[in-house]
């Protein structure tokens, strides 16, 4: 799977380009190809779909703080997934 930094869940109130990019050119040239769209709300399942972790049980064992369900409107910035990996998550309706 491709490299992902930004995750959009559901239908956000604000467009992802406003949240993840400094301007339209930055969105088109950089951020749009690093953005993953899904309707899944359980963060460990998303991380397994992206190939960041091999299984939900490994996340449960090694990163229990990531065992969350994203059910409310939210924006998680700079969420530390591993030593060198961070994600930005925009949660919509």
PDB file of N, CA and C in Angstrom:
ATOM      1  N   UNK A   1       0.835  -1.181   0.000  1.00  0.00           N
ATOM      2  CA  UNK A   1       0.000   0.000   0.000  1.00  0.00           C
ATOM      3  C   UNK A   1       0.883   1.250   0.000  1.00  0.00           C
ATOM      4  N   UNK A   2       0.345   2.335  -0.502  1.00  0.00           N
ATOM      5  CA  UNK A   2       1.091   3.588  -0.568  1.00  0.00           C
ATOM      6  C   UNK A   2       1.301   4.199   0.812  1.00  0.00           C
ATOM      7  N   UNK A   3       2.200   5.139   0.886  1.00  0.00           N
ATOM      8  CA  UNK A   3       2.509   5.831   2.130  1.00  0.00           C
ATOM      9  C   UNK A   3       1.359   6.767   2.486  1.00  0.00           C
ATOM     10  N   UNK A   4       0.887   6.689   3.723  1.00  0.00           N
ATOM     11  CA  UNK A   4      -0.246   7.497   4.174  1.00  0.00           C
ATOM     12  C   UNK A   4       0.150   8.281   5.419  1.00  0.00           C
ATOM     13  N   UNK A   5      -0.172   9.558   5.432  1.00  0.00           N
ATOM     14  CA  UNK A   5       0.018  10.415   6.609  1.00  0.00           C
ATOM     15  C   UNK A   5      -1.303  10.936   7.139  1.00  0.00           C
ATOM     16  N   UNK A   6      -2.272  11.113   6.259  1.00  0.00           N
ATOM     17  CA  UNK A   6      -3.553  11.717   6.616  1.00  0.00           C
ATOM     18  C   UNK A   6      -4.671  10.698   6.439  1.00  0.00           C
ATOM     19  N   UNK A   7      -5.595  10.653   7.403  1.00  0.00           N
ATOM     20  CA  UNK A   7      -6.740   9.753   7.324  1.00  0.00           C
ATOM     21  C   UNK A   7      -7.999  10.587   7.489  1.00  0.00           C
ATOM     22  N   UNK A   8      -8.955  10.383   6.585  1.00  0.00           N
ATOM     23  CA  UNK A   8     -10.250  11.049   6.661  1.00  0.00           C
ATOM     24  C   UNK A   8     -11.294   9.964   6.903  1.00  0.00           C
ATOM     25  N   UNK A   9     -12.031  10.102   8.002  1.00  0.00           N
ATOM     26  CA  UNK A   9     -13.049   9.126   8.372  1.00  0.00           C
ATOM     27  C   UNK A   9     -14.416   9.759   8.206  1.00  0.00           C
ATOM     28  N   UNK A  10     -15.272   9.086   7.437  1.00  0.00           N
ATOM     29  CA  UNK A  10     -16.630   9.577   7.232  1.00  0.00           C
ATOM     30  C   UNK A  10     -16.664  10.822   6.372  1.00  0.00           C
ATOM     31  N   UNK A  11     -17.667  11.663   6.661  1.00  0.00           N
ATOM     32  CA  UNK A  11     -17.845  12.912   5.911  1.00  0.00           C
ATOM     33  C   UNK A  11     -17.541  14.084   6.848  1.00  0.00           C
ATOM     34  N   UNK A  12     -16.354  14.687   6.708  1.00  0.00           N
ATOM     35  CA  UNK A  12     -15.976  15.774   7.622  1.00  0.00           C
ATOM     36  C   UNK A  12     -16.746  17.068   7.343  1.00  0.00           C
ATOM     37  N   UNK A  13     -16.823  17.904   8.360  1.00  0.00           N
ATOM     38  CA  UNK A  13     -17.495  19.197   8.232  1.00  0.00           C
ATOM     39  C   UNK A  13     -16.688  20.125   7.332  1.00  0.00           C
ATOM     40  N   UNK A  14     -15.374  20.162   7.542  1.00  0.00           N
ATOM     41  CA  UNK A  14     -14.488  20.973   6.701  1.00  0.00           C
ATOM     42  C   UNK A  14     -13.818  20.083   5.656  1.00  0.00           C
ATOM     43  N   UNK A  15     -13.516  20.614   4.492  1.00  0.00           N
ATOM     44  CA  UNK A  15     -12.814  19.814   3.488  1.00  0.00           C
ATOM     45  C   UNK A  15     -11.408  19.443   3.979  1.00  0.00           C
ATOM     46  N   UNK A  16     -10.936  18.254   3.638  1.00  0.00           N
ATOM     47  CA  UNK A  16      -9.602  17.817   4.057  1.00  0.00           C
ATOM     48  C   UNK A  16      -8.488  18.763   3.618  1.00  0.00           C
ATOM     49  N   UNK A  17      -8.655  19.435   2.474  1.00  0.00           N
ATOM     50  CA  UNK A  17      -7.606  20.338   2.004  1.00  0.00           C
ATOM     51  C   UNK A  17      -7.382  21.492   2.977  1.00  0.00           C
ATOM     52  N   UNK A  18      -8.416  21.905   3.699  1.00  0.00           N
ATOM     53  CA  UNK A  18      -8.282  22.986   4.672  1.00  0.00           C
ATOM     54  C   UNK A  18      -7.507  22.509   5.900  1.00  0.00           C
ATOM     55  N   UNK A  19      -7.727  21.259   6.290  1.00  0.00           N
ATOM     56  CA  UNK A  19      -7.135  20.732   7.517  1.00  0.00           C
ATOM     57  C   UNK A  19      -5.694  20.239   7.337  1.00  0.00           C
ATOM     58  N   UNK A  20      -5.383  19.683   6.175  1.00  0.00           N
ATOM     59  CA  UNK A  20      -4.094  19.027   5.982  1.00  0.00           C
ATOM     60  C   UNK A  20      -3.072  19.833   5.189  1.00  0.00           C
ATOM     61  N   UNK A  21      -3.486  20.871   4.501  1.00  0.00           N
ATOM     62  CA  UNK A  21      -2.562  21.600   3.627  1.00  0.00           C
ATOM     63  C   UNK A  21      -2.552  23.085   3.954  1.00  0.00           C
ATOM     64  N   UNK A  22      -1.452  23.723   3.599  1.00  0.00           N
ATOM     65  CA  UNK A  22      -1.332  25.156   3.839  1.00  0.00           C
ATOM     66  C   UNK A  22      -2.057  25.978   2.772  1.00  0.00           C
ATOM     67  N   UNK A  23      -2.150  25.440   1.562  1.00  0.00           N
ATOM     68  CA  UNK A  23      -2.894  26.099   0.481  1.00  0.00           C
ATOM     69  C   UNK A  23      -3.292  25.048  -0.553  1.00  0.00           C
ATOM     70  N   UNK A  24      -3.970  25.476  -1.610  1.00  0.00           N
ATOM     71  CA  UNK A  24      -4.458  24.550  -2.628  1.00  0.00           C
ATOM     72  C   UNK A  24      -3.314  23.860  -3.360  1.00  0.00           C
ATOM     73  N   UNK A  25      -2.247  24.578  -3.627  1.00  0.00           N
ATOM     74  CA  UNK A  25      -1.108  23.984  -4.335  1.00  0.00           C
ATOM     75  C   UNK A  25      -0.439  22.910  -3.491  1.00  0.00           C
ATOM     76  N   UNK A  26      -0.311  23.145  -2.204  1.00  0.00           N
ATOM     77  CA  UNK A  26       0.259  22.138  -1.298  1.00  0.00           C
ATOM     78  C   UNK A  26      -0.631  20.896  -1.276  1.00  0.00           C
ATOM     79  N   UNK A  27      -1.946  21.088  -1.253  1.00  0.00           N
ATOM     80  CA  UNK A  27      -2.891  19.969  -1.244  1.00  0.00           C
ATOM     81  C   UNK A  27      -2.735  19.125  -2.508  1.00  0.00           C
ATOM     82  N   UNK A  28      -2.729  19.783  -3.659  1.00  0.00           N
ATOM     83  CA  UNK A  28      -2.657  19.063  -4.938  1.00  0.00           C
ATOM     84  C   UNK A  28      -1.297  18.400  -5.133  1.00  0.00           C
ATOM     85  N   UNK A  29      -0.227  19.096  -4.816  1.00  0.00           N
ATOM     86  CA  UNK A  29       1.117  18.576  -5.088  1.00  0.00           C
ATOM     87  C   UNK A  29       1.610  17.572  -4.052  1.00  0.00           C
ATOM     88  N   UNK A  30       1.175  17.682  -2.797  1.00  0.00           N
ATOM     89  CA  UNK A  30       1.749  16.846  -1.742  1.00  0.00           C
ATOM     90  C   UNK A  30       0.745  15.999  -0.984  1.00  0.00           C
ATOM     91  N   UNK A  31      -0.242  16.640  -0.412  1.00  0.00           N
ATOM     92  CA  UNK A  31      -1.081  15.976   0.578  1.00  0.00           C
ATOM     93  C   UNK A  31      -2.145  15.051   0.002  1.00  0.00           C
ATOM     94  N   UNK A  32      -2.669  15.326  -1.165  1.00  0.00           N
ATOM     95  CA  UNK A  32      -3.766  14.520  -1.704  1.00  0.00           C
ATOM     96  C   UNK A  32      -3.352  13.063  -1.920  1.00  0.00           C
ATOM     97  N   UNK A  33      -2.118  12.831  -2.315  1.00  0.00           N
ATOM     98  CA  UNK A  33      -1.660  11.460  -2.546  1.00  0.00           C
ATOM     99  C   UNK A  33      -1.307  10.737  -1.253  1.00  0.00           C
ATOM    100  N   UNK A  34      -1.187  11.444  -0.132  1.00  0.00           N
ATOM    101  CA  UNK A  34      -0.875  10.835   1.158  1.00  0.00           C
ATOM    102  C   UNK A  34      -2.118  10.739   2.049  1.00  0.00           C
ATOM    103  N   UNK A  35      -3.310  10.926   1.466  1.00  0.00           N
ATOM    104  CA  UNK A  35      -4.548  10.935   2.239  1.00  0.00           C
ATOM    105  C   UNK A  35      -5.359   9.679   1.941  1.00  0.00           C
ATOM    106  N   UNK A  36      -5.828   9.034   3.006  1.00  0.00           N
ATOM    107  CA  UNK A  36      -6.610   7.806   2.923  1.00  0.00           C
ATOM    108  C   UNK A  36      -8.019   8.088   3.428  1.00  0.00           C
ATOM    109  N   UNK A  37      -9.036   7.681   2.646  1.00  0.00           N
ATOM    110  CA  UNK A  37     -10.426   7.903   2.997  1.00  0.00           C
ATOM    111  C   UNK A  37     -11.067   6.582   3.398  1.00  0.00           C
ATOM    112  N   UNK A  38     -11.838   6.599   4.487  1.00  0.00           N
ATOM    113  CA  UNK A  38     -12.499   5.388   4.949  1.00  0.00           C
ATOM    114  C   UNK A  38     -13.749   5.738   5.745  1.00  0.00           C
ATOM    115  N   UNK A  39     -14.616   4.750   5.932  1.00  0.00           N
ATOM    116  CA  UNK A  39     -15.771   4.902   6.806  1.00  0.00           C
ATOM    117  C   UNK A  39     -15.591   4.103   8.089  1.00  0.00           C
ATOM    118  N   UNK A  40     -14.509   3.355   8.183  1.00  0.00           N
ATOM    119  CA  UNK A  40     -14.201   2.554   9.375  1.00  0.00           C
ATOM    120  C   UNK A  40     -13.884   3.484  10.546  1.00  0.00           C
ATOM    121  N   UNK A  41     -14.418   3.195  11.725  1.00  0.00           N
ATOM    122  CA  UNK A  41     -14.243   4.067  12.885  1.00  0.00           C
ATOM    123  C   UNK A  41     -13.294   3.482  13.933  1.00  0.00           C
ATOM    124  N   UNK A  42     -12.969   2.211  13.847  1.00  0.00           N
ATOM    125  CA  UNK A  42     -12.103   1.569  14.832  1.00  0.00           C
ATOM    126  C   UNK A  42     -10.658   1.716  14.384  1.00  0.00           C
ATOM    127  N   UNK A  43      -9.886   2.536  15.112  1.00  0.00           N
ATOM    128  CA  UNK A  43      -8.524   2.882  14.707  1.00  0.00           C
ATOM    129  C   UNK A  43      -7.622   1.666  14.461  1.00  0.00           C
ATOM    130  N   UNK A  44      -7.614   0.642  15.315  1.00  0.00           N
ATOM    131  CA  UNK A  44      -6.747  -0.514  15.033  1.00  0.00           C
ATOM    132  C   UNK A  44      -7.058  -1.197  13.700  1.00  0.00           C
ATOM    133  N   UNK A  45      -8.322  -1.259  13.337  1.00  0.00           N
ATOM    134  CA  UNK A  45      -8.685  -1.875  12.052  1.00  0.00           C
ATOM    135  C   UNK A  45      -8.145  -1.043  10.882  1.00  0.00           C
ATOM    136  N   UNK A  46      -8.175   0.264  11.010  1.00  0.00           N
ATOM    137  CA  UNK A  46      -7.623   1.147   9.978  1.00  0.00           C
ATOM    138  C   UNK A  46      -6.118   0.928   9.850  1.00  0.00           C
ATOM    139  N   UNK A  47      -5.423   0.837  10.995  1.00  0.00           N
ATOM    140  CA  UNK A  47      -3.973   0.657  10.980  1.00  0.00           C
ATOM    141  C   UNK A  47      -3.577  -0.683  10.363  1.00  0.00           C
ATOM    142  N   UNK A  48      -4.399  -1.701  10.553  1.00  0.00           N
ATOM    143  CA  UNK A  48      -4.136  -2.998   9.923  1.00  0.00           C
ATOM    144  C   UNK A  48      -4.412  -2.918   8.422  1.00  0.00           C
ATOM    145  N   UNK A  49      -5.506  -2.244   8.024  1.00  0.00           N
ATOM    146  CA  UNK A  49      -5.819  -2.062   6.598  1.00  0.00           C
ATOM    147  C   UNK A  49      -4.681  -1.352   5.865  1.00  0.00           C
ATOM    148  N   UNK A  50      -4.065  -0.381   6.520  1.00  0.00           N
ATOM    149  CA  UNK A  50      -2.969   0.372   5.912  1.00  0.00           C
ATOM    150  C   UNK A  50      -1.646  -0.382   5.930  1.00  0.00           C
ATOM    151  N   UNK A  51      -1.575  -1.476   6.671  1.00  0.00           N
ATOM    152  CA  UNK A  51      -0.347  -2.258   6.741  1.00  0.00           C
ATOM    153  C   UNK A  51       0.664  -1.703   7.731  1.00  0.00           C
ATOM    154  N   UNK A  52       0.247  -0.808   8.603  1.00  0.00           N
ATOM    155  CA  UNK A  52       1.153  -0.236   9.599  1.00  0.00           C
ATOM    156  C   UNK A  52       1.435  -1.269  10.683  1.00  0.00           C
ATOM    157  N   UNK A  53       0.418  -2.026  11.068  1.00  0.00           N
ATOM    158  CA  UNK A  53       0.555  -3.126  12.015  1.00  0.00           C
ATOM    159  C   UNK A  53      -0.006  -4.394  11.372  1.00  0.00           C
ATOM    160  N   UNK A  54       0.547  -5.561  11.727  1.00  0.00           N
ATOM    161  CA  UNK A  54       0.073  -6.803  11.103  1.00  0.00           C
ATOM    162  C   UNK A  54      -1.269  -7.296  11.630  1.00  0.00           C
ATOM    163  N   UNK A  55      -1.622  -6.964  12.888  1.00  0.00           N
ATOM    164  CA  UNK A  55      -2.884  -7.459  13.441  1.00  0.00           C
ATOM    165  C   UNK A  55      -3.363  -6.555  14.579  1.00  0.00           C
ATOM    166  N   UNK A  56      -4.649  -6.665  14.862  1.00  0.00           N
ATOM    167  CA  UNK A  56      -5.241  -5.900  15.958  1.00  0.00           C
ATOM    168  C   UNK A  56      -4.698  -6.387  17.286  1.00  0.00           C
ATOM    169  N   UNK A  57      -4.439  -7.694  17.395  1.00  0.00           N
ATOM    170  CA  UNK A  57      -3.921  -8.223  18.669  1.00  0.00           C
ATOM    171  C   UNK A  57      -2.535  -7.663  18.983  1.00  0.00           C
ATOM    172  N   UNK A  58      -1.728  -7.402  17.968  1.00  0.00           N
ATOM    173  CA  UNK A  58      -0.417  -6.788  18.213  1.00  0.00           C
ATOM    174  C   UNK A  58      -0.570  -5.355  18.722  1.00  0.00           C
ATOM    175  N   UNK A  59      -1.532  -4.636  18.178  1.00  0.00           N
ATOM    176  CA  UNK A  59      -1.797  -3.277  18.662  1.00  0.00           C
ATOM    177  C   UNK A  59      -2.273  -3.343  20.108  1.00  0.00           C
ATOM    178  N   UNK A  60      -3.164  -4.278  20.417  1.00  0.00           N
ATOM    179  CA  UNK A  60      -3.683  -4.432  21.778  1.00  0.00           C
ATOM    180  C   UNK A  60      -2.551  -4.740  22.760  1.00  0.00           C
ATOM    181  N   UNK A  61      -1.602  -5.556  22.320  1.00  0.00           N
ATOM    182  CA  UNK A  61      -0.500  -5.965  23.188  1.00  0.00           C
ATOM    183  C   UNK A  61       0.558  -4.868  23.354  1.00  0.00           C
ATOM    184  N   UNK A  62       0.933  -4.194  22.260  1.00  0.00           N
ATOM    185  CA  UNK A  62       2.054  -3.257  22.279  1.00  0.00           C
ATOM    186  C   UNK A  62       1.664  -1.781  22.378  1.00  0.00           C
ATOM    187  N   UNK A  63       0.503  -1.402  21.890  1.00  0.00           N
ATOM    188  CA  UNK A  63       0.073   0.002  21.888  1.00  0.00           C
ATOM    189  C   UNK A  63      -1.386   0.103  22.356  1.00  0.00           C
ATOM    190  N   UNK A  64      -1.674  -0.213  23.617  1.00  0.00           N
ATOM    191  CA  UNK A  64      -3.065  -0.180  24.081  1.00  0.00           C
ATOM    192  C   UNK A  64      -3.716   1.204  23.980  1.00  0.00           C
ATOM    193  N   UNK A  65      -2.911   2.258  23.955  1.00  0.00           N
ATOM    194  CA  UNK A  65      -3.477   3.612  23.812  1.00  0.00           C
ATOM    195  C   UNK A  65      -4.095   3.852  22.436  1.00  0.00           C
ATOM    196  N   UNK A  66      -3.800   2.984  21.455  1.00  0.00           N
ATOM    197  CA  UNK A  66      -4.376   3.121  20.113  1.00  0.00           C
ATOM    198  C   UNK A  66      -5.666   2.318  19.951  1.00  0.00           C
ATOM    199  N   UNK A  67      -6.112   1.653  20.997  1.00  0.00           N
ATOM    200  CA  UNK A  67      -7.339   0.852  20.939  1.00  0.00           C
ATOM    201  C   UNK A  67      -8.539   1.773  21.174  1.00  0.00           C
ATOM    202  N   UNK A  68      -8.819   2.620  20.197  1.00  0.00           N
ATOM    203  CA  UNK A  68      -9.910   3.593  20.344  1.00  0.00           C
ATOM    204  C   UNK A  68     -10.835   3.531  19.146  1.00  0.00           C
ATOM    205  N   UNK A  69     -12.066   3.908  19.408  1.00  0.00           N
ATOM    206  CA  UNK A  69     -13.058   4.034  18.355  1.00  0.00           C
ATOM    207  C   UNK A  69     -13.323   5.526  18.159  1.00  0.00           C
ATOM    208  N   UNK A  70     -13.274   5.978  16.929  1.00  0.00           N
ATOM    209  CA  UNK A  70     -13.407   7.406  16.619  1.00  0.00           C
ATOM    210  C   UNK A  70     -14.847   7.683  16.173  1.00  0.00           C
ATOM    211  N   UNK A  71     -15.711   7.938  17.151  1.00  0.00           N
ATOM    212  CA  UNK A  71     -17.142   8.087  16.880  1.00  0.00           C
ATOM    213  C   UNK A  71     -17.622   9.530  16.842  1.00  0.00           C
ATOM    214  N   UNK A  72     -16.835  10.461  17.366  1.00  0.00           N
ATOM    215  CA  UNK A  72     -17.249  11.867  17.420  1.00  0.00           C
ATOM    216  C   UNK A  72     -16.459  12.690  16.416  1.00  0.00           C
ATOM    217  N   UNK A  73     -16.994  13.836  16.054  1.00  0.00           N
ATOM    218  CA  UNK A  73     -16.262  14.774  15.206  1.00  0.00           C
ATOM    219  C   UNK A  73     -14.978  15.156  15.926  1.00  0.00           C
ATOM    220  N   UNK A  74     -13.853  15.073  15.215  1.00  0.00           N
ATOM    221  CA  UNK A  74     -12.581  15.324  15.877  1.00  0.00           C
ATOM    222  C   UNK A  74     -11.494  15.546  14.834  1.00  0.00           C
ATOM    223  N   UNK A  75     -10.383  16.092  15.296  1.00  0.00           N
ATOM    224  CA  UNK A  75      -9.169  16.190  14.486  1.00  0.00           C
ATOM    225  C   UNK A  75      -7.998  15.839  15.384  1.00  0.00           C
ATOM    226  N   UNK A  76      -7.364  14.711  15.120  1.00  0.00           N
ATOM    227  CA  UNK A  76      -6.204  14.257  15.882  1.00  0.00           C
ATOM    228  C   UNK A  76      -4.969  14.619  15.086  1.00  0.00           C
ATOM    229  N   UNK A  77      -4.171  15.520  15.627  1.00  0.00           N
ATOM    230  CA  UNK A  77      -2.981  15.931  14.898  1.00  0.00           C
ATOM    231  C   UNK A  77      -1.738  15.355  15.557  1.00  0.00           C
ATOM    232  N   UNK A  78      -0.841  14.894  14.727  1.00  0.00           N
ATOM    233  CA  UNK A  78       0.458  14.405  15.176  1.00  0.00           C
ATOM    234  C   UNK A  78       0.330  13.219  16.130  1.00  0.00           C
ATOM    235  N   UNK A  79      -0.562  12.280  15.801  1.00  0.00           N
ATOM    236  CA  UNK A  79      -0.759  11.078  16.598  1.00  0.00           C
ATOM    237  C   UNK A  79       0.411  10.131  16.365  1.00  0.00           C
ATOM    238  N   UNK A  80       1.146   9.833  17.419  1.00  0.00           N
ATOM    239  CA  UNK A  80       2.347   9.009  17.301  1.00  0.00           C
ATOM    240  C   UNK A  80       1.946   7.531  17.217  1.00  0.00           C
ATOM    241  N   UNK A  81       2.247   6.902  16.084  1.00  0.00           N
ATOM    242  CA  UNK A  81       1.900   5.512  15.838  1.00  0.00           C
ATOM    243  C   UNK A  81       3.082   4.600  16.162  1.00  0.00           C
ATOM    244  N   UNK A  82       4.258   4.992  15.759  1.00  0.00           N
ATOM    245  CA  UNK A  82       5.479   4.238  16.047  1.00  0.00           C
ATOM    246  C   UNK A  82       6.616   5.242  16.239  1.00  0.00           C
ATOM    247  N   UNK A  83       7.835   4.727  16.339  1.00  0.00           N
ATOM    248  CA  UNK A  83       8.979   5.604  16.582  1.00  0.00           C
ATOM    249  C   UNK A  83       9.105   6.717  15.545  1.00  0.00           C
ATOM    250  N   UNK A  84       8.953   6.363  14.290  1.00  0.00           N
ATOM    251  CA  UNK A  84       9.172   7.336  13.206  1.00  0.00           C
ATOM    252  C   UNK A  84       7.899   7.680  12.447  1.00  0.00           C
ATOM    253  N   UNK A  85       6.739   7.207  12.894  1.00  0.00           N
ATOM    254  CA  UNK A  85       5.518   7.386  12.127  1.00  0.00           C
ATOM    255  C   UNK A  85       4.478   8.166  12.902  1.00  0.00           C
ATOM    256  N   UNK A  86       3.938   9.187  12.275  1.00  0.00           N
ATOM    257  CA  UNK A  86       2.871   9.991  12.864  1.00  0.00           C
ATOM    258  C   UNK A  86       1.746  10.136  11.852  1.00  0.00           C
ATOM    259  N   UNK A  87       0.513  10.230  12.356  1.00  0.00           N
ATOM    260  CA  UNK A  87      -0.664  10.377  11.512  1.00  0.00           C
ATOM    261  C   UNK A  87      -1.488  11.575  11.948  1.00  0.00           C
ATOM    262  N   UNK A  88      -2.193  12.130  11.000  1.00  0.00           N
ATOM    263  CA  UNK A  88      -3.171  13.179  11.252  1.00  0.00           C
ATOM    264  C   UNK A  88      -4.509  12.594  10.832  1.00  0.00           C
ATOM    265  N   UNK A  89      -5.507  12.652  11.726  1.00  0.00           N
ATOM    266  CA  UNK A  89      -6.795  12.013  11.471  1.00  0.00           C
ATOM    267  C   UNK A  89      -7.906  13.041  11.589  1.00  0.00           C
ATOM    268  N   UNK A  90      -8.726  13.127  10.547  1.00  0.00           N
ATOM    269  CA  UNK A  90      -9.892  14.001  10.517  1.00  0.00           C
ATOM    270  C   UNK A  90     -11.122  13.116  10.576  1.00  0.00           C
ATOM    271  N   UNK A  91     -11.938  13.287  11.613  1.00  0.00           N
ATOM    272  CA  UNK A  91     -13.120  12.452  11.812  1.00  0.00           C
ATOM    273  C   UNK A  91     -14.358  13.276  11.514  1.00  0.00           C
ATOM    274  N   UNK A  92     -15.183  12.754  10.609  1.00  0.00           N
ATOM    275  CA  UNK A  92     -16.423  13.421  10.245  1.00  0.00           C
ATOM    276  C   UNK A  92     -17.637  12.667  10.725  1.00  0.00           C
ATOM    277  N   UNK A  93     -18.785  13.024  10.180  1.00  0.00           N
ATOM    278  CA  UNK A  93     -20.059  12.389  10.570  1.00  0.00           C
ATOM    279  C   UNK A  93     -20.159  10.991  10.022  1.00  0.00           C
TER     280      UNK A  93
END
